[in-house]
């Protein structure tokens, strides 16, 4: 595949799966093919026992993701059936991130707009550079923002924040994003790569089963209350206490050394 071909790039090393929106020529805007490929990449990371966490980012320094690639809408959203199929693909991509078995972390540099904002908010954590910018421009494009998307955002950042984002369609800087809990952590661009790498390195050495149990609970809590399955989340907690990693953690604590977790 040529470097200019829009794609979802996948790489796994040192306990982390890196999923990259590779479409820098259009600020990493998502093509239909990219929407469809994202769930496959997440599933690949979930299935890899060496992967502790999933990192999502955009190619280059200018953008995390500018949203959907509107330039292809004339072809991929030409009919009512096309529009429905497109929306299914977008929903599946967001669902893949939010319901992954392993923690998902968005690394955000520059623009994070529209569908890219939705992808970032589908992750558990959002680490942003100080010059990042956030926006949902639906009200400037005449688009309807679906009930399910509004509901998910309200659960993440609250009613007032969602009202501001959607009704004003304004651009938020990283400081505002941090106050709204859109960004989890924000660092200056000059130290962003170093700080983010240190943060991710820590996650990659934490107990995998513990992180999966936390992720399981977070996933259930993001569902409407009537649909939550607390028993599934509790089963993941029980798995931690039955694991060799639990014994390793206690042993390492007593021996005053760093634990070496195996995920079993």
C-alpha atoms as a PDB file:
ATOM      1  CA  UNK A   1       0.000   0.000   0.000  1.00  0.00           C
ATOM      2  CA  UNK A   2       1.400   3.404  -0.944  1.00  0.00           C
ATOM      3  CA  UNK A   3       2.137   5.923   1.785  1.00  0.00           C
ATOM      4  CA  UNK A   4      -0.531   8.234   0.334  1.00  0.00           C
ATOM      5  CA  UNK A   5      -3.319   5.647   0.452  1.00  0.00           C
ATOM      6  CA  UNK A   6      -5.736   6.317   3.340  1.00  0.00           C
ATOM      7  CA  UNK A   7      -5.454   3.435   5.779  1.00  0.00           C
ATOM      8  CA  UNK A   8      -5.526   2.210   9.349  1.00  0.00           C
ATOM      9  CA  UNK A   9      -1.954   1.361  10.247  1.00  0.00           C
ATOM     10  CA  UNK A  10      -1.244  -1.223  12.962  1.00  0.00           C
ATOM     11  CA  UNK A  11       1.919  -1.902  14.928  1.00  0.00           C
ATOM     12  CA  UNK A  12       2.459  -3.712  18.217  1.00  0.00           C
ATOM     13  CA  UNK A  13       5.563  -3.543  20.394  1.00  0.00           C
ATOM     14  CA  UNK A  14       6.561  -3.301  24.045  1.00  0.00           C
ATOM     15  CA  UNK A  15       3.099  -4.243  25.274  1.00  0.00           C
ATOM     16  CA  UNK A  16       1.265  -1.577  23.270  1.00  0.00           C
ATOM     17  CA  UNK A  17      -0.749  -1.792  20.066  1.00  0.00           C
ATOM     18  CA  UNK A  18      -0.474   1.402  18.015  1.00  0.00           C
ATOM     19  CA  UNK A  19      -3.381   2.124  15.665  1.00  0.00           C
ATOM     20  CA  UNK A  20      -2.761   5.102  13.377  1.00  0.00           C
ATOM     21  CA  UNK A  21      -5.199   7.014  11.190  1.00  0.00           C
ATOM     22  CA  UNK A  22      -2.944   7.327   8.140  1.00  0.00           C
ATOM     23  CA  UNK A  23      -4.414  10.016   5.897  1.00  0.00           C
ATOM     24  CA  UNK A  24      -2.243  13.034   6.652  1.00  0.00           C
ATOM     25  CA  UNK A  25      -2.993  14.715   3.319  1.00  0.00           C
ATOM     26  CA  UNK A  26      -6.562  15.303   4.558  1.00  0.00           C
ATOM     27  CA  UNK A  27      -5.830  15.797   8.268  1.00  0.00           C
ATOM     28  CA  UNK A  28      -6.419  12.067   8.838  1.00  0.00           C
ATOM     29  CA  UNK A  29     -10.051  12.317   7.775  1.00  0.00           C
ATOM     30  CA  UNK A  30     -11.707   8.901   7.859  1.00  0.00           C
ATOM     31  CA  UNK A  31     -12.678   7.239   4.589  1.00  0.00           C
ATOM     32  CA  UNK A  32     -15.310   4.507   4.541  1.00  0.00           C
ATOM     33  CA  UNK A  33     -12.520   1.971   4.180  1.00  0.00           C
ATOM     34  CA  UNK A  34     -10.830   3.336   7.289  1.00  0.00           C
ATOM     35  CA  UNK A  35     -14.060   3.210   9.319  1.00  0.00           C
ATOM     36  CA  UNK A  36     -14.448  -0.436   8.305  1.00  0.00           C
ATOM     37  CA  UNK A  37     -10.825  -1.327   9.049  1.00  0.00           C
ATOM     38  CA  UNK A  38     -10.719   0.140  12.554  1.00  0.00           C
ATOM     39  CA  UNK A  39     -12.744  -2.623  14.303  1.00  0.00           C
ATOM     40  CA  UNK A  40     -10.449  -5.226  12.726  1.00  0.00           C
ATOM     41  CA  UNK A  41      -7.387  -3.478  14.147  1.00  0.00           C
ATOM     42  CA  UNK A  42      -8.938  -3.255  17.620  1.00  0.00           C
ATOM     43  CA  UNK A  43      -9.904  -6.943  17.507  1.00  0.00           C
ATOM     44  CA  UNK A  44      -6.342  -7.809  16.516  1.00  0.00           C
ATOM     45  CA  UNK A  45      -5.000  -5.950  19.548  1.00  0.00           C
ATOM     46  CA  UNK A  46      -7.557  -7.537  21.865  1.00  0.00           C
ATOM     47  CA  UNK A  47      -6.554 -11.003  20.644  1.00  0.00           C
ATOM     48  CA  UNK A  48      -2.806 -10.462  21.119  1.00  0.00           C
ATOM     49  CA  UNK A  49      -1.746 -11.680  24.593  1.00  0.00           C
ATOM     50  CA  UNK A  50       1.362  -9.476  24.441  1.00  0.00           C
ATOM     51  CA  UNK A  51      -0.696  -6.285  24.107  1.00  0.00           C
ATOM     52  CA  UNK A  52      -1.592  -4.555  27.380  1.00  0.00           C
ATOM     53  CA  UNK A  53      -3.203  -1.386  25.996  1.00  0.00           C
ATOM     54  CA  UNK A  54      -4.326   0.096  22.674  1.00  0.00           C
ATOM     55  CA  UNK A  55      -2.990   3.483  21.552  1.00  0.00           C
ATOM     56  CA  UNK A  56      -4.857   5.417  18.854  1.00  0.00           C
ATOM     57  CA  UNK A  57      -3.308   8.376  17.068  1.00  0.00           C
ATOM     58  CA  UNK A  58      -3.163  10.315  13.811  1.00  0.00           C
ATOM     59  CA  UNK A  59      -0.388  10.374  11.246  1.00  0.00           C
ATOM     60  CA  UNK A  60       1.857  13.438  11.402  1.00  0.00           C
ATOM     61  CA  UNK A  61       1.790  16.412  13.739  1.00  0.00           C
ATOM     62  CA  UNK A  62      -1.171  18.473  12.484  1.00  0.00           C
ATOM     63  CA  UNK A  63      -4.187  16.343  13.327  1.00  0.00           C
ATOM     64  CA  UNK A  64      -5.518  13.439  15.336  1.00  0.00           C
ATOM     65  CA  UNK A  65      -8.485  13.181  12.969  1.00  0.00           C
ATOM     66  CA  UNK A  66     -10.518  15.853  11.199  1.00  0.00           C
ATOM     67  CA  UNK A  67     -13.624  13.653  11.043  1.00  0.00           C
ATOM     68  CA  UNK A  68     -15.165  11.927   8.053  1.00  0.00           C
ATOM     69  CA  UNK A  69     -13.670  12.453   4.602  1.00  0.00           C
ATOM     70  CA  UNK A  70     -16.458  14.532   3.076  1.00  0.00           C
ATOM     71  CA  UNK A  71     -14.758  14.475  -0.334  1.00  0.00           C
ATOM     72  CA  UNK A  72     -15.944  10.903  -0.895  1.00  0.00           C
ATOM     73  CA  UNK A  73     -19.556  11.438   0.241  1.00  0.00           C
ATOM     74  CA  UNK A  74     -20.791  11.746  -3.334  1.00  0.00           C
ATOM     75  CA  UNK A  75     -19.716   8.143  -3.922  1.00  0.00           C
ATOM     76  CA  UNK A  76     -20.166   6.413  -0.562  1.00  0.00           C
ATOM     77  CA  UNK A  77     -23.326   8.220   0.616  1.00  0.00           C
ATOM     78  CA  UNK A  78     -25.109   8.535  -2.724  1.00  0.00           C
ATOM     79  CA  UNK A  79     -28.287   6.669  -1.761  1.00  0.00           C
ATOM     80  CA  UNK A  80     -30.374   6.126   1.351  1.00  0.00           C
ATOM     81  CA  UNK A  81     -28.971   2.614   1.621  1.00  0.00           C
ATOM     82  CA  UNK A  82     -25.427   3.955   1.284  1.00  0.00           C
ATOM     83  CA  UNK A  83     -26.029   6.452   4.082  1.00  0.00           C
ATOM     84  CA  UNK A  84     -27.398   3.731   6.365  1.00  0.00           C
ATOM     85  CA  UNK A  85     -24.434   1.449   5.647  1.00  0.00           C
ATOM     86  CA  UNK A  86     -22.005   4.308   6.241  1.00  0.00           C
ATOM     87  CA  UNK A  87     -23.548   5.100   9.624  1.00  0.00           C
ATOM     88  CA  UNK A  88     -23.316   1.423  10.600  1.00  0.00           C
ATOM     89  CA  UNK A  89     -19.590   1.487   9.805  1.00  0.00           C
ATOM     90  CA  UNK A  90     -19.046   4.647  11.870  1.00  0.00           C
ATOM     91  CA  UNK A  91     -20.983   3.209  14.805  1.00  0.00           C
ATOM     92  CA  UNK A  92     -19.031  -0.061  14.651  1.00  0.00           C
ATOM     93  CA  UNK A  93     -15.712   1.806  14.702  1.00  0.00           C
ATOM     94  CA  UNK A  94     -16.661   3.796  17.790  1.00  0.00           C
ATOM     95  CA  UNK A  95     -18.133   0.735  19.475  1.00  0.00           C
ATOM     96  CA  UNK A  96     -14.935  -1.216  18.845  1.00  0.00           C
ATOM     97  CA  UNK A  97     -12.922   1.327  20.822  1.00  0.00           C
ATOM     98  CA  UNK A  98     -15.409   1.803  23.647  1.00  0.00           C
ATOM     99  CA  UNK A  99     -15.999  -1.929  24.181  1.00  0.00           C
ATOM    100  CA  UNK A 100     -12.450  -3.202  23.629  1.00  0.00           C
ATOM    101  CA  UNK A 101     -11.304  -5.613  26.323  1.00  0.00           C
ATOM    102  CA  UNK A 102      -8.128  -3.621  26.846  1.00  0.00           C
ATOM    103  CA  UNK A 103      -7.701   0.064  27.751  1.00  0.00           C
ATOM    104  CA  UNK A 104      -7.778   2.460  24.809  1.00  0.00           C
ATOM    105  CA  UNK A 105      -5.798   5.699  24.811  1.00  0.00           C
ATOM    106  CA  UNK A 106      -6.067   8.496  22.248  1.00  0.00           C
ATOM    107  CA  UNK A 107      -2.889  10.510  21.635  1.00  0.00           C
ATOM    108  CA  UNK A 108      -4.097  13.851  20.301  1.00  0.00           C
ATOM    109  CA  UNK A 109      -1.960  16.399  18.490  1.00  0.00           C
ATOM    110  CA  UNK A 110      -3.598  19.247  16.608  1.00  0.00           C
ATOM    111  CA  UNK A 111      -7.101  18.953  15.166  1.00  0.00           C
ATOM    112  CA  UNK A 112      -9.676  16.644  16.743  1.00  0.00           C
ATOM    113  CA  UNK A 113     -12.945  17.467  14.997  1.00  0.00           C
ATOM    114  CA  UNK A 114     -16.287  15.846  14.233  1.00  0.00           C
ATOM    115  CA  UNK A 115     -16.004  12.104  13.758  1.00  0.00           C
ATOM    116  CA  UNK A 116     -12.440  12.300  15.056  1.00  0.00           C
ATOM    117  CA  UNK A 117     -13.777  13.857  18.260  1.00  0.00           C
ATOM    118  CA  UNK A 118     -16.190  10.931  18.516  1.00  0.00           C
ATOM    119  CA  UNK A 119     -13.375   8.410  18.110  1.00  0.00           C
ATOM    120  CA  UNK A 120     -11.314  10.143  20.797  1.00  0.00           C
ATOM    121  CA  UNK A 121     -14.283  10.165  23.171  1.00  0.00           C
ATOM    122  CA  UNK A 122     -14.785   6.442  22.532  1.00  0.00           C
ATOM    123  CA  UNK A 123     -11.365   5.849  24.106  1.00  0.00           C
ATOM    124  CA  UNK A 124     -10.891   5.481  27.852  1.00  0.00           C
ATOM    125  CA  UNK A 125      -8.175   8.130  28.075  1.00  0.00           C
ATOM    126  CA  UNK A 126      -7.247  11.143  25.961  1.00  0.00           C
ATOM    127  CA  UNK A 127      -3.721  12.542  26.187  1.00  0.00           C
ATOM    128  CA  UNK A 128      -3.479  15.855  24.349  1.00  0.00           C
ATOM    129  CA  UNK A 129      -0.800  18.319  23.339  1.00  0.00           C
ATOM    130  CA  UNK A 130      -1.379  21.900  24.457  1.00  0.00           C
ATOM    131  CA  UNK A 131      -1.990  23.060  20.892  1.00  0.00           C
ATOM    132  CA  UNK A 132      -4.768  20.524  20.245  1.00  0.00           C
ATOM    133  CA  UNK A 133      -8.157  21.829  19.155  1.00  0.00           C
ATOM    134  CA  UNK A 134     -11.543  20.152  19.613  1.00  0.00           C
ATOM    135  CA  UNK A 135     -14.809  20.710  17.783  1.00  0.00           C
ATOM    136  CA  UNK A 136     -18.095  19.128  16.739  1.00  0.00           C
ATOM    137  CA  UNK A 137     -19.140  21.265  13.731  1.00  0.00           C
ATOM    138  CA  UNK A 138     -22.510  19.604  13.016  1.00  0.00           C
ATOM    139  CA  UNK A 139     -24.456  22.848  13.544  1.00  0.00           C
ATOM    140  CA  UNK A 140     -22.257  24.579  10.949  1.00  0.00           C
ATOM    141  CA  UNK A 141     -22.874  21.822   8.404  1.00  0.00           C
ATOM    142  CA  UNK A 142     -26.599  21.287   8.828  1.00  0.00           C
ATOM    143  CA  UNK A 143     -26.060  17.743  10.094  1.00  0.00           C
ATOM    144  CA  UNK A 144     -28.235  15.986  12.641  1.00  0.00           C
ATOM    145  CA  UNK A 145     -26.289  14.625  15.625  1.00  0.00           C
ATOM    146  CA  UNK A 146     -27.874  11.296  16.586  1.00  0.00           C
ATOM    147  CA  UNK A 147     -29.523  10.630  19.937  1.00  0.00           C
ATOM    148  CA  UNK A 148     -27.115   7.794  20.704  1.00  0.00           C
ATOM    149  CA  UNK A 149     -24.124  10.045  20.127  1.00  0.00           C
ATOM    150  CA  UNK A 150     -25.565  12.794  22.316  1.00  0.00           C
ATOM    151  CA  UNK A 151     -26.365  10.281  25.061  1.00  0.00           C
ATOM    152  CA  UNK A 152     -22.825   8.865  25.005  1.00  0.00           C
ATOM    153  CA  UNK A 153     -21.300  12.338  25.223  1.00  0.00           C
ATOM    154  CA  UNK A 154     -23.584  13.337  28.108  1.00  0.00           C
ATOM    155  CA  UNK A 155     -22.423  10.275  30.053  1.00  0.00           C
ATOM    156  CA  UNK A 156     -18.811  11.288  29.411  1.00  0.00           C
ATOM    157  CA  UNK A 157     -18.792  15.048  30.001  1.00  0.00           C
ATOM    158  CA  UNK A 158     -22.218  16.110  31.260  1.00  0.00           C
ATOM    159  CA  UNK A 159     -25.224  17.955  29.869  1.00  0.00           C
ATOM    160  CA  UNK A 160     -23.811  21.492  29.982  1.00  0.00           C
ATOM    161  CA  UNK A 161     -20.609  20.582  28.189  1.00  0.00           C
ATOM    162  CA  UNK A 162     -22.451  18.730  25.443  1.00  0.00           C
ATOM    163  CA  UNK A 163     -24.886  21.618  24.992  1.00  0.00           C
ATOM    164  CA  UNK A 164     -21.965  24.018  24.591  1.00  0.00           C
ATOM    165  CA  UNK A 165     -20.140  21.777  22.110  1.00  0.00           C
ATOM    166  CA  UNK A 166     -23.122  20.994  19.913  1.00  0.00           C
ATOM    167  CA  UNK A 167     -25.073  24.245  20.017  1.00  0.00           C
ATOM    168  CA  UNK A 168     -22.144  26.631  19.603  1.00  0.00           C
ATOM    169  CA  UNK A 169     -20.100  24.380  17.281  1.00  0.00           C
ATOM    170  CA  UNK A 170     -17.124  26.414  18.504  1.00  0.00           C
ATOM    171  CA  UNK A 171     -13.514  25.311  18.706  1.00  0.00           C
ATOM    172  CA  UNK A 172     -12.248  24.410  22.182  1.00  0.00           C
ATOM    173  CA  UNK A 173      -8.599  24.749  23.087  1.00  0.00           C
ATOM    174  CA  UNK A 174      -6.829  22.107  25.159  1.00  0.00           C
ATOM    175  CA  UNK A 175      -7.370  23.988  28.420  1.00  0.00           C
ATOM    176  CA  UNK A 176     -11.132  24.065  27.914  1.00  0.00           C
ATOM    177  CA  UNK A 177     -11.071  20.425  26.845  1.00  0.00           C
ATOM    178  CA  UNK A 178      -9.299  19.553  30.086  1.00  0.00           C
ATOM    179  CA  UNK A 179     -11.891  21.424  32.165  1.00  0.00           C
ATOM    180  CA  UNK A 180     -14.700  19.564  30.390  1.00  0.00           C
ATOM    181  CA  UNK A 181     -12.901  16.212  30.912  1.00  0.00           C
ATOM    182  CA  UNK A 182     -12.653  15.836  27.145  1.00  0.00           C
ATOM    183  CA  UNK A 183      -8.875  15.690  27.565  1.00  0.00           C
ATOM    184  CA  UNK A 184      -7.561  13.544  30.418  1.00  0.00           C
ATOM    185  CA  UNK A 185      -4.070  15.042  30.523  1.00  0.00           C
ATOM    186  CA  UNK A 186      -2.526  17.942  28.595  1.00  0.00           C
ATOM    187  CA  UNK A 187       1.162  18.672  28.042  1.00  0.00           C
ATOM    188  CA  UNK A 188       3.079  21.315  26.097  1.00  0.00           C
ATOM    189  CA  UNK A 189       3.932  20.167  22.571  1.00  0.00           C
ATOM    190  CA  UNK A 190       7.679  20.346  23.330  1.00  0.00           C
ATOM    191  CA  UNK A 191       7.384  17.608  25.975  1.00  0.00           C
ATOM    192  CA  UNK A 192       4.261  15.824  24.755  1.00  0.00           C
ATOM    193  CA  UNK A 193       5.958  12.838  23.113  1.00  0.00           C
ATOM    194  CA  UNK A 194       8.185  12.235  26.137  1.00  0.00           C
ATOM    195  CA  UNK A 195       5.399  12.600  28.713  1.00  0.00           C
ATOM    196  CA  UNK A 196       2.983  10.444  26.737  1.00  0.00           C
ATOM    197  CA  UNK A 197       5.625   7.746  26.228  1.00  0.00           C
ATOM    198  CA  UNK A 198       6.356   7.641  29.969  1.00  0.00           C
ATOM    199  CA  UNK A 199       2.649   7.386  30.769  1.00  0.00           C
ATOM    200  CA  UNK A 200       2.136   4.573  28.270  1.00  0.00           C
ATOM    201  CA  UNK A 201       5.239   2.734  29.457  1.00  0.00           C
ATOM    202  CA  UNK A 202       3.775   2.665  32.959  1.00  0.00           C
ATOM    203  CA  UNK A 203       0.508   1.238  31.644  1.00  0.00           C
ATOM    204  CA  UNK A 204       2.377  -1.397  29.635  1.00  0.00           C
ATOM    205  CA  UNK A 205       4.005  -2.720  32.825  1.00  0.00           C
ATOM    206  CA  UNK A 206       0.842  -2.766  34.950  1.00  0.00           C
ATOM    207  CA  UNK A 207      -1.085  -5.970  35.641  1.00  0.00           C
ATOM    208  CA  UNK A 208      -3.025  -6.816  32.446  1.00  0.00           C
ATOM    209  CA  UNK A 209      -5.859  -8.617  34.223  1.00  0.00           C
ATOM    210  CA  UNK A 210      -6.370  -5.701  36.604  1.00  0.00           C
ATOM    211  CA  UNK A 211      -6.549  -3.260  33.708  1.00  0.00           C
ATOM    212  CA  UNK A 212      -8.988  -5.506  31.861  1.00  0.00           C
ATOM    213  CA  UNK A 213     -11.176  -5.719  34.965  1.00  0.00           C
ATOM    214  CA  UNK A 214     -11.208  -1.930  35.248  1.00  0.00           C
ATOM    215  CA  UNK A 215     -11.989  -1.642  31.537  1.00  0.00           C
ATOM    216  CA  UNK A 216     -14.823  -4.148  31.926  1.00  0.00           C
ATOM    217  CA  UNK A 217     -16.383  -2.073  34.699  1.00  0.00           C
ATOM    218  CA  UNK A 218     -15.992   1.148  32.705  1.00  0.00           C
ATOM    219  CA  UNK A 219     -17.607  -0.463  29.674  1.00  0.00           C
ATOM    220  CA  UNK A 220     -20.632  -1.549  31.704  1.00  0.00           C
ATOM    221  CA  UNK A 221     -20.970   1.863  33.353  1.00  0.00           C
ATOM    222  CA  UNK A 222     -21.056   3.535  29.944  1.00  0.00           C
ATOM    223  CA  UNK A 223     -24.151   1.524  29.011  1.00  0.00           C
ATOM    224  CA  UNK A 224     -27.671   2.671  29.915  1.00  0.00           C
ATOM    225  CA  UNK A 225     -28.378   1.416  33.434  1.00  0.00           C
ATOM    226  CA  UNK A 226     -30.975  -1.125  32.297  1.00  0.00           C
ATOM    227  CA  UNK A 227     -28.422  -2.778  29.999  1.00  0.00           C
ATOM    228  CA  UNK A 228     -25.529  -3.094  32.453  1.00  0.00           C
ATOM    229  CA  UNK A 229     -24.133  -6.500  33.378  1.00  0.00           C
ATOM    230  CA  UNK A 230     -22.354  -6.120  36.708  1.00  0.00           C
ATOM    231  CA  UNK A 231     -21.808  -9.889  36.946  1.00  0.00           C
ATOM    232  CA  UNK A 232     -19.534  -9.832  33.901  1.00  0.00           C
ATOM    233  CA  UNK A 233     -17.440  -7.062  35.422  1.00  0.00           C
ATOM    234  CA  UNK A 234     -17.261  -8.858  38.778  1.00  0.00           C
ATOM    235  CA  UNK A 235     -16.104 -12.060  37.058  1.00  0.00           C
ATOM    236  CA  UNK A 236     -13.107 -10.155  35.704  1.00  0.00           C
ATOM    237  CA  UNK A 237     -12.288  -8.973  39.233  1.00  0.00           C
ATOM    238  CA  UNK A 238     -12.461 -12.552  40.533  1.00  0.00           C
ATOM    239  CA  UNK A 239     -10.090 -13.604  37.767  1.00  0.00           C
ATOM    240  CA  UNK A 240      -7.504 -11.161  39.132  1.00  0.00           C
ATOM    241  CA  UNK A 241      -7.520 -12.715  42.588  1.00  0.00           C
ATOM    242  CA  UNK A 242      -7.126 -16.208  41.136  1.00  0.00           C
ATOM    243  CA  UNK A 243      -4.158 -15.263  38.960  1.00  0.00           C
ATOM    244  CA  UNK A 244      -0.420 -15.806  39.181  1.00  0.00           C
ATOM    245  CA  UNK A 245      -0.073 -12.058  38.689  1.00  0.00           C
ATOM    246  CA  UNK A 246      -1.846 -11.447  42.000  1.00  0.00           C
ATOM    247  CA  UNK A 247       0.704 -13.653  43.751  1.00  0.00           C
ATOM    248  CA  UNK A 248       3.537 -11.974  41.845  1.00  0.00           C
ATOM    249  CA  UNK A 249       2.324  -8.547  42.938  1.00  0.00           C
ATOM    250  CA  UNK A 250       2.372  -9.553  46.614  1.00  0.00           C
ATOM    251  CA  UNK A 251       5.760 -11.218  46.278  1.00  0.00           C
ATOM    252  CA  UNK A 252       7.293  -8.219  44.519  1.00  0.00           C
ATOM    253  CA  UNK A 253       5.922  -5.875  47.181  1.00  0.00           C
ATOM    254  CA  UNK A 254       7.495  -7.924  49.978  1.00  0.00           C
ATOM    255  CA  UNK A 255      10.776  -8.210  48.085  1.00  0.00           C
ATOM    256  CA  UNK A 256      10.747  -4.465  47.317  1.00  0.00           C
ATOM    257  CA  UNK A 257      11.157  -4.906  43.569  1.00  0.00           C
ATOM    258  CA  UNK A 258       9.159  -4.115  40.459  1.00  0.00           C
ATOM    259  CA  UNK A 259       6.598  -6.830  39.651  1.00  0.00           C
ATOM    260  CA  UNK A 260       6.758  -8.729  36.371  1.00  0.00           C
ATOM    261  CA  UNK A 261       3.202  -9.443  35.270  1.00  0.00           C
ATOM    262  CA  UNK A 262       2.326 -12.092  32.669  1.00  0.00           C
ATOM    263  CA  UNK A 263      -1.408 -11.643  32.293  1.00  0.00           C
ATOM    264  CA  UNK A 264      -2.257 -14.994  33.804  1.00  0.00           C
END
